Amino acid sequence: ANTEYLIEVQAIRVGSPLDPILSLFDADGRTITSGEPDKETKDPHISFKPKKDSSYFITLQDAHDQGANFFGYRLVVQAKK
């Protein structure tokens, strides 16, 4: 709790055909927020500061329900300093 996190996808910026949708859910499965596309990279990101210690879940999917072994991406979760 009280630590801010940056959750980001790196896909479009590296040439992946993935059109990523990034979402964050609480332990009960309720949507907390969805990722906003970065103005430069077009990849979505979420800044999140939990109010309490709990479990949280991240989902990443393609906007067009497509995928293959060449739909590469990197999911980065890091605490902001």
PDB file of N, CA and C in Angstrom:
ATOM      1  N   ALA A   1       0.834  -1.191   0.000  1.00  0.00           N
ATOM      2  CA  ALA A   1       0.000   0.000   0.000  1.00  0.00           C
ATOM      3  C   ALA A   1       0.874   1.249   0.000  1.00  0.00           C
ATOM      4  N   ASN A   2       0.329   2.309  -0.531  1.00  0.00           N
ATOM      5  CA  ASN A   2       0.963   3.628  -0.565  1.00  0.00           C
ATOM      6  C   ASN A   2       2.257   3.686  -1.372  1.00  0.00           C
ATOM      7  N   THR A   3       2.507   2.704  -2.204  1.00  0.00           N
ATOM      8  CA  THR A   3       3.604   2.760  -3.160  1.00  0.00           C
ATOM      9  C   THR A   3       2.984   2.890  -4.541  1.00  0.00           C
ATOM     10  N   GLU A   4       3.459   3.824  -5.321  1.00  0.00           N
ATOM     11  CA  GLU A   4       2.914   3.999  -6.665  1.00  0.00           C
ATOM     12  C   GLU A   4       3.643   3.079  -7.637  1.00  0.00           C
ATOM     13  N   TYR A   5       2.884   2.454  -8.510  1.00  0.00           N
ATOM     14  CA  TYR A   5       3.425   1.526  -9.496  1.00  0.00           C
ATOM     15  C   TYR A   5       3.137   2.010 -10.901  1.00  0.00           C
ATOM     16  N   LEU A   6       4.057   1.736 -11.800  1.00  0.00           N
ATOM     17  CA  LEU A   6       3.867   1.966 -13.221  1.00  0.00           C
ATOM     18  C   LEU A   6       3.772   0.596 -13.871  1.00  0.00           C
ATOM     19  N   ILE A   7       2.679   0.376 -14.585  1.00  0.00           N
ATOM     20  CA  ILE A   7       2.453  -0.859 -15.324  1.00  0.00           C
ATOM     21  C   ILE A   7       2.397  -0.457 -16.790  1.00  0.00           C
ATOM     22  N   GLU A   8       3.271  -1.028 -17.605  1.00  0.00           N
ATOM     23  CA  GLU A   8       3.269  -0.637 -19.003  1.00  0.00           C
ATOM     24  C   GLU A   8       3.524  -1.819 -19.916  1.00  0.00           C
ATOM     25  N   VAL A   9       3.010  -1.688 -21.128  1.00  0.00           N
ATOM     26  CA  VAL A   9       3.220  -2.668 -22.180  1.00  0.00           C
ATOM     27  C   VAL A   9       4.185  -2.065 -23.184  1.00  0.00           C
ATOM     28  N   GLN A  10       5.105  -2.867 -23.647  1.00  0.00           N
ATOM     29  CA  GLN A  10       6.003  -2.459 -24.730  1.00  0.00           C
ATOM     30  C   GLN A  10       5.721  -3.401 -25.895  1.00  0.00           C
ATOM     31  N   ALA A  11       4.958  -2.927 -26.871  1.00  0.00           N
ATOM     32  CA  ALA A  11       4.591  -3.769 -28.017  1.00  0.00           C
ATOM     33  C   ALA A  11       4.643  -2.961 -29.311  1.00  0.00           C
ATOM     34  N   ILE A  12       3.765  -1.971 -29.420  1.00  0.00           N
ATOM     35  CA  ILE A  12       3.685  -1.169 -30.642  1.00  0.00           C
ATOM     36  C   ILE A  12       5.028  -0.517 -30.937  1.00  0.00           C
ATOM     37  N   ARG A  13       5.685  -0.012 -29.900  1.00  0.00           N
ATOM     38  CA  ARG A  13       6.963   0.693 -30.082  1.00  0.00           C
ATOM     39  C   ARG A  13       8.078  -0.202 -30.607  1.00  0.00           C
ATOM     40  N   VAL A  14       7.921  -1.523 -30.476  1.00  0.00           N
ATOM     41  CA  VAL A  14       8.941  -2.435 -30.982  1.00  0.00           C
ATOM     42  C   VAL A  14       8.480  -3.182 -32.238  1.00  0.00           C
ATOM     43  N   GLY A  15       7.390  -2.700 -32.832  1.00  0.00           N
ATOM     44  CA  GLY A  15       6.931  -3.249 -34.106  1.00  0.00           C
ATOM     45  C   GLY A  15       6.008  -4.446 -34.031  1.00  0.00           C
ATOM     46  N   SER A  16       5.492  -4.771 -32.854  1.00  0.00           N
ATOM     47  CA  SER A  16       4.563  -5.882 -32.723  1.00  0.00           C
ATOM     48  C   SER A  16       3.210  -5.510 -33.331  1.00  0.00           C
ATOM     49  N   PRO A  17       2.524  -6.464 -33.970  1.00  0.00           N
ATOM     50  CA  PRO A  17       1.180  -6.189 -34.480  1.00  0.00           C
ATOM     51  C   PRO A  17       0.113  -6.173 -33.380  1.00  0.00           C
ATOM     52  N   LEU A  18       0.497  -6.489 -32.137  1.00  0.00           N
ATOM     53  CA  LEU A  18      -0.434  -6.481 -31.009  1.00  0.00           C
ATOM     54  C   LEU A  18      -1.024  -5.085 -30.822  1.00  0.00           C
ATOM     55  N   ASP A  19      -2.345  -5.011 -30.682  1.00  0.00           N
ATOM     56  CA  ASP A  19      -3.040  -3.761 -30.344  1.00  0.00           C
ATOM     57  C   ASP A  19      -3.495  -3.934 -28.890  1.00  0.00           C
ATOM     58  N   PRO A  20      -2.619  -3.604 -27.929  1.00  0.00           N
ATOM     59  CA  PRO A  20      -2.831  -4.018 -26.543  1.00  0.00           C
ATOM     60  C   PRO A  20      -3.915  -3.250 -25.794  1.00  0.00           C
ATOM     61  N   ILE A  21      -4.678  -4.023 -25.023  1.00  0.00           N
ATOM     62  CA  ILE A  21      -5.618  -3.478 -24.045  1.00  0.00           C
ATOM     63  C   ILE A  21      -5.110  -3.946 -22.680  1.00  0.00           C
ATOM     64  N   LEU A  22      -4.789  -3.008 -21.813  1.00  0.00           N
ATOM     65  CA  LEU A  22      -4.236  -3.289 -20.494  1.00  0.00           C
ATOM     66  C   LEU A  22      -5.273  -2.912 -19.443  1.00  0.00           C
ATOM     67  N   SER A  23      -5.567  -3.838 -18.533  1.00  0.00           N
ATOM     68  CA  SER A  23      -6.555  -3.583 -17.485  1.00  0.00           C
ATOM     69  C   SER A  23      -6.041  -4.063 -16.138  1.00  0.00           C
ATOM     70  N   LEU A  24      -6.519  -3.416 -15.078  1.00  0.00           N
ATOM     71  CA  LEU A  24      -6.147  -3.759 -13.711  1.00  0.00           C
ATOM     72  C   LEU A  24      -7.415  -4.046 -12.919  1.00  0.00           C
ATOM     73  N   PHE A  25      -7.401  -5.176 -12.175  1.00  0.00           N
ATOM     74  CA  PHE A  25      -8.555  -5.618 -11.401  1.00  0.00           C
ATOM     75  C   PHE A  25      -8.175  -5.801  -9.939  1.00  0.00           C
ATOM     76  N   ASP A  26      -9.166  -5.648  -9.052  1.00  0.00           N
ATOM     77  CA  ASP A  26      -8.913  -5.923  -7.636  1.00  0.00           C
ATOM     78  C   ASP A  26      -9.112  -7.416  -7.366  1.00  0.00           C
ATOM     79  N   ALA A  27      -8.928  -7.819  -6.118  1.00  0.00           N
ATOM     80  CA  ALA A  27      -9.005  -9.233  -5.745  1.00  0.00           C
ATOM     81  C   ALA A  27     -10.387  -9.837  -5.969  1.00  0.00           C
ATOM     82  N   ASP A  28     -11.423  -8.995  -6.022  1.00  0.00           N
ATOM     83  CA  ASP A  28     -12.785  -9.476  -6.256  1.00  0.00           C
ATOM     84  C   ASP A  28     -13.167  -9.477  -7.728  1.00  0.00           C
ATOM     85  N   GLY A  29     -12.222  -9.126  -8.602  1.00  0.00           N
ATOM     86  CA  GLY A  29     -12.483  -9.139 -10.040  1.00  0.00           C
ATOM     87  C   GLY A  29     -13.106  -7.871 -10.578  1.00  0.00           C
ATOM     88  N   ARG A  30     -13.178  -6.835  -9.755  1.00  0.00           N
ATOM     89  CA  ARG A  30     -13.732  -5.558 -10.218  1.00  0.00           C
ATOM     90  C   ARG A  30     -12.649  -4.765 -10.933  1.00  0.00           C
ATOM     91  N   THR A  31     -13.030  -4.145 -12.039  1.00  0.00           N
ATOM     92  CA  THR A  31     -12.085  -3.330 -12.795  1.00  0.00           C
ATOM     93  C   THR A  31     -11.728  -2.081 -12.007  1.00  0.00           C
ATOM     94  N   ILE A  32     -10.433  -1.856 -11.825  1.00  0.00           N
ATOM     95  CA  ILE A  32      -9.953  -0.637 -11.168  1.00  0.00           C
ATOM     96  C   ILE A  32      -9.723   0.439 -12.216  1.00  0.00           C
ATOM     97  N   THR A  33      -9.015   0.067 -13.283  1.00  0.00           N
ATOM     98  CA  THR A  33      -8.727   1.022 -14.350  1.00  0.00           C
ATOM     99  C   THR A  33      -8.231   0.278 -15.584  1.00  0.00           C
ATOM    100  N   SER A  34      -8.216   0.980 -16.688  1.00  0.00           N
ATOM    101  CA  SER A  34      -7.651   0.467 -17.931  1.00  0.00           C
ATOM    102  C   SER A  34      -6.519   1.378 -18.360  1.00  0.00           C
ATOM    103  N   GLY A  35      -5.605   0.834 -19.136  1.00  0.00           N
ATOM    104  CA  GLY A  35      -4.438   1.592 -19.568  1.00  0.00           C
ATOM    105  C   GLY A  35      -4.760   2.676 -20.564  1.00  0.00           C
ATOM    106  N   GLU A  36      -4.052   3.766 -20.437  1.00  0.00           N
ATOM    107  CA  GLU A  36      -4.149   4.880 -21.370  1.00  0.00           C
ATOM    108  C   GLU A  36      -2.977   4.800 -22.339  1.00  0.00           C
ATOM    109  N   PRO A  37      -3.223   4.973 -23.640  1.00  0.00           N
ATOM    110  CA  PRO A  37      -2.115   4.921 -24.581  1.00  0.00           C
ATOM    111  C   PRO A  37      -1.160   6.104 -24.406  1.00  0.00           C
ATOM    112  N   ASP A  38       0.121   5.817 -24.453  1.00  0.00           N
ATOM    113  CA  ASP A  38       1.138   6.860 -24.402  1.00  0.00           C
ATOM    114  C   ASP A  38       1.078   7.671 -25.695  1.00  0.00           C
ATOM    115  N   LYS A  39       1.222   8.970 -25.595  1.00  0.00           N
ATOM    116  CA  LYS A  39       1.118   9.830 -26.783  1.00  0.00           C
ATOM    117  C   LYS A  39       2.196   9.544 -27.810  1.00  0.00           C
ATOM    118  N   GLU A  40       3.383   9.163 -27.351  1.00  0.00           N
ATOM    119  CA  GLU A  40       4.482   8.911 -28.278  1.00  0.00           C
ATOM    120  C   GLU A  40       4.533   7.461 -28.756  1.00  0.00           C
ATOM    121  N   THR A  41       4.485   6.517 -27.832  1.00  0.00           N
ATOM    122  CA  THR A  41       4.673   5.105 -28.197  1.00  0.00           C
ATOM    123  C   THR A  41       3.374   4.404 -28.583  1.00  0.00           C
ATOM    124  N   LYS A  42       2.238   4.953 -28.195  1.00  0.00           N
ATOM    125  CA  LYS A  42       0.906   4.370 -28.418  1.00  0.00           C
ATOM    126  C   LYS A  42       0.639   3.136 -27.561  1.00  0.00           C
ATOM    127  N   ASP A  43       1.640   2.674 -26.816  1.00  0.00           N
ATOM    128  CA  ASP A  43       1.446   1.533 -25.911  1.00  0.00           C
ATOM    129  C   ASP A  43       0.756   2.003 -24.629  1.00  0.00           C
ATOM    130  N   PRO A  44      -0.169   1.184 -24.077  1.00  0.00           N
ATOM    131  CA  PRO A  44      -0.878   1.593 -22.867  1.00  0.00           C
ATOM    132  C   PRO A  44      -0.026   1.475 -21.604  1.00  0.00           C
ATOM    133  N   HIS A  45      -0.375   2.296 -20.625  1.00  0.00           N
ATOM    134  CA  HIS A  45       0.278   2.259 -19.326  1.00  0.00           C
ATOM    135  C   HIS A  45      -0.733   2.626 -18.245  1.00  0.00           C
ATOM    136  N   ILE A  46      -0.433   2.211 -17.033  1.00  0.00           N
ATOM    137  CA  ILE A  46      -1.267   2.521 -15.868  1.00  0.00           C
ATOM    138  C   ILE A  46      -0.349   2.970 -14.744  1.00  0.00           C
ATOM    139  N   SER A  47      -0.684   4.084 -14.110  1.00  0.00           N
ATOM    140  CA  SER A  47      -0.051   4.484 -12.850  1.00  0.00           C
ATOM    141  C   SER A  47      -1.053   4.156 -11.755  1.00  0.00           C
ATOM    142  N   PHE A  48      -0.601   3.414 -10.752  1.00  0.00           N
ATOM    143  CA  PHE A  48      -1.528   2.914  -9.737  1.00  0.00           C
ATOM    144  C   PHE A  48      -0.890   2.971  -8.359  1.00  0.00           C
ATOM    145  N   LYS A  49      -1.628   3.517  -7.410  1.00  0.00           N
ATOM    146  CA  LYS A  49      -1.185   3.579  -6.017  1.00  0.00           C
ATOM    147  C   LYS A  49      -2.262   2.913  -5.155  1.00  0.00           C
ATOM    148  N   PRO A  50      -2.048   1.647  -4.767  1.00  0.00           N
ATOM    149  CA  PRO A  50      -3.061   0.954  -3.965  1.00  0.00           C
ATOM    150  C   PRO A  50      -3.240   1.600  -2.595  1.00  0.00           C
ATOM    151  N   LYS A  51      -4.477   1.609  -2.136  1.00  0.00           N
ATOM    152  CA  LYS A  51      -4.786   2.180  -0.824  1.00  0.00           C
ATOM    153  C   LYS A  51      -4.574   1.173   0.293  1.00  0.00           C
ATOM    154  N   LYS A  52      -4.552  -0.127  -0.063  1.00  0.00           N
ATOM    155  CA  LYS A  52      -4.341  -1.167   0.938  1.00  0.00           C
ATOM    156  C   LYS A  52      -3.572  -2.321   0.320  1.00  0.00           C
ATOM    157  N   ASP A  53      -2.915  -3.096   1.169  1.00  0.00           N
ATOM    158  CA  ASP A  53      -2.239  -4.297   0.707  1.00  0.00           C
ATOM    159  C   ASP A  53      -3.294  -5.316   0.316  1.00  0.00           C
ATOM    160  N   SER A  54      -3.191  -5.845  -0.872  1.00  0.00           N
ATOM    161  CA  SER A  54      -4.151  -6.811  -1.379  1.00  0.00           C
ATOM    162  C   SER A  54      -3.572  -7.438  -2.634  1.00  0.00           C
ATOM    163  N   SER A  55      -4.328  -8.336  -3.237  1.00  0.00           N
ATOM    164  CA  SER A  55      -3.950  -8.903  -4.528  1.00  0.00           C
ATOM    165  C   SER A  55      -4.594  -8.071  -5.633  1.00  0.00           C
ATOM    166  N   TYR A  56      -3.863  -7.902  -6.700  1.00  0.00           N
ATOM    167  CA  TYR A  56      -4.353  -7.190  -7.877  1.00  0.00           C
ATOM    168  C   TYR A  56      -3.989  -8.019  -9.097  1.00  0.00           C
ATOM    169  N   PHE A  57      -4.793  -7.911 -10.132  1.00  0.00           N
ATOM    170  CA  PHE A  57      -4.594  -8.721 -11.326  1.00  0.00           C
ATOM    171  C   PHE A  57      -4.517  -7.833 -12.555  1.00  0.00           C
ATOM    172  N   ILE A  58      -3.597  -8.165 -13.436  1.00  0.00           N
ATOM    173  CA  ILE A  58      -3.389  -7.429 -14.676  1.00  0.00           C
ATOM    174  C   ILE A  58      -3.811  -8.331 -15.820  1.00  0.00           C
ATOM    175  N   THR A  59      -4.562  -7.784 -16.766  1.00  0.00           N
ATOM    176  CA  THR A  59      -4.850  -8.528 -17.992  1.00  0.00           C
ATOM    177  C   THR A  59      -4.326  -7.729 -19.174  1.00  0.00           C
ATOM    178  N   LEU A  60      -3.878  -8.458 -20.166  1.00  0.00           N
ATOM    179  CA  LEU A  60      -3.393  -7.871 -21.406  1.00  0.00           C
ATOM    180  C   LEU A  60      -3.978  -8.698 -22.535  1.00  0.00           C
ATOM    181  N   GLN A  61      -4.674  -8.037 -23.445  1.00  0.00           N
ATOM    182  CA  GLN A  61      -5.263  -8.744 -24.573  1.00  0.00           C
ATOM    183  C   GLN A  61      -5.168  -7.888 -25.822  1.00  0.00           C
ATOM    184  N   ASP A  62      -5.345  -8.528 -26.963  1.00  0.00           N
ATOM    185  CA  ASP A  62      -5.342  -7.812 -28.228  1.00  0.00           C
ATOM    186  C   ASP A  62      -6.736  -7.254 -28.493  1.00  0.00           C
ATOM    187  N   ALA A  63      -6.817  -6.018 -28.944  1.00  0.00           N
ATOM    188  CA  ALA A  63      -8.103  -5.358 -29.191  1.00  0.00           C
ATOM    189  C   ALA A  63      -8.918  -6.058 -30.268  1.00  0.00           C
ATOM    190  N   HIS A  64      -8.266  -6.853 -31.098  1.00  0.00           N
ATOM    191  CA  HIS A  64      -8.958  -7.520 -32.206  1.00  0.00           C
ATOM    192  C   HIS A  64      -9.034  -9.038 -31.996  1.00  0.00           C
ATOM    193  N   ASP A  65      -8.750  -9.486 -30.763  1.00  0.00           N
ATOM    194  CA  ASP A  65      -8.773 -10.917 -30.417  1.00  0.00           C
ATOM    195  C   ASP A  65      -7.935 -11.758 -31.373  1.00  0.00           C
ATOM    196  N   GLN A  66      -6.766 -11.220 -31.713  1.00  0.00           N
ATOM    197  CA  GLN A  66      -5.847 -11.966 -32.563  1.00  0.00           C
ATOM    198  C   GLN A  66      -4.572 -12.239 -31.779  1.00  0.00           C
ATOM    199  N   GLY A  67      -3.766 -13.105 -32.313  1.00  0.00           N
ATOM    200  CA  GLY A  67      -2.496 -13.401 -31.677  1.00  0.00           C
ATOM    201  C   GLY A  67      -1.768 -14.508 -32.412  1.00  0.00           C
ATOM    202  N   ALA A  68      -0.488 -14.525 -32.229  1.00  0.00           N
ATOM    203  CA  ALA A  68       0.379 -15.561 -32.806  1.00  0.00           C
ATOM    204  C   ALA A  68       1.725 -15.431 -32.126  1.00  0.00           C
ATOM    205  N   ASN A  69       2.639 -16.315 -32.454  1.00  0.00           N
ATOM    206  CA  ASN A  69       3.940 -16.260 -31.794  1.00  0.00           C
ATOM    207  C   ASN A  69       4.724 -14.998 -32.139  1.00  0.00           C
ATOM    208  N   PHE A  70       4.330 -14.258 -33.169  1.00  0.00           N
ATOM    209  CA  PHE A  70       5.025 -13.014 -33.511  1.00  0.00           C
ATOM    210  C   PHE A  70       4.321 -11.776 -32.944  1.00  0.00           C
ATOM    211  N   PHE A  71       3.303 -11.946 -32.107  1.00  0.00           N
ATOM    212  CA  PHE A  71       2.639 -10.839 -31.420  1.00  0.00           C
ATOM    213  C   PHE A  71       3.375 -10.594 -30.094  1.00  0.00           C
ATOM    214  N   GLY A  72       4.647 -10.300 -30.187  1.00  0.00           N
ATOM    215  CA  GLY A  72       5.470 -10.152 -28.993  1.00  0.00           C
ATOM    216  C   GLY A  72       5.171  -8.882 -28.212  1.00  0.00           C
ATOM    217  N   TYR A  73       5.473  -8.929 -26.938  1.00  0.00           N
ATOM    218  CA  TYR A  73       5.317  -7.765 -26.056  1.00  0.00           C
ATOM    219  C   TYR A  73       6.140  -7.989 -24.799  1.00  0.00           C
ATOM    220  N   ARG A  74       6.346  -6.918 -24.071  1.00  0.00           N
ATOM    221  CA  ARG A  74       6.958  -6.982 -22.744  1.00  0.00           C
ATOM    222  C   ARG A  74       6.009  -6.257 -21.795  1.00  0.00           C
ATOM    223  N   LEU A  75       5.709  -6.891 -20.675  1.00  0.00           N
ATOM    224  CA  LEU A  75       4.881  -6.287 -19.642  1.00  0.00           C
ATOM    225  C   LEU A  75       5.815  -5.886 -18.504  1.00  0.00           C
ATOM    226  N   VAL A  76       5.835  -4.608 -18.174  1.00  0.00           N
ATOM    227  CA  VAL A  76       6.738  -4.089 -17.153  1.00  0.00           C
ATOM    228  C   VAL A  76       5.909  -3.560 -15.979  1.00  0.00           C
ATOM    229  N   VAL A  77       6.232  -4.036 -14.775  1.00  0.00           N
ATOM    230  CA  VAL A  77       5.609  -3.537 -13.543  1.00  0.00           C
ATOM    231  C   VAL A  77       6.739  -3.089 -12.639  1.00  0.00           C
ATOM    232  N   GLN A  78       6.734  -1.809 -12.306  1.00  0.00           N
ATOM    233  CA  GLN A  78       7.814  -1.303 -11.459  1.00  0.00           C
ATOM    234  C   GLN A  78       7.294  -0.274 -10.470  1.00  0.00           C
ATOM    235  N   ALA A  79       7.893  -0.275  -9.288  1.00  0.00           N
ATOM    236  CA  ALA A  79       7.558   0.722  -8.275  1.00  0.00           C
ATOM    237  C   ALA A  79       8.206   2.045  -8.675  1.00  0.00           C
ATOM    238  N   LYS A  80       7.426   3.121  -8.588  1.00  0.00           N
ATOM    239  CA  LYS A  80       7.973   4.442  -8.865  1.00  0.00           C
ATOM    240  C   LYS A  80       8.746   4.911  -7.651  1.00  0.00           C
ATOM    241  N   LYS A  81       9.804   5.644  -7.896  1.00  0.00           N
ATOM    242  CA  LYS A  81      10.615   6.158  -6.791  1.00  0.00           C
ATOM    243  C   LYS A  81      10.305   7.611  -6.526  1.00  0.00           C
TER     244      LYS A  81
END
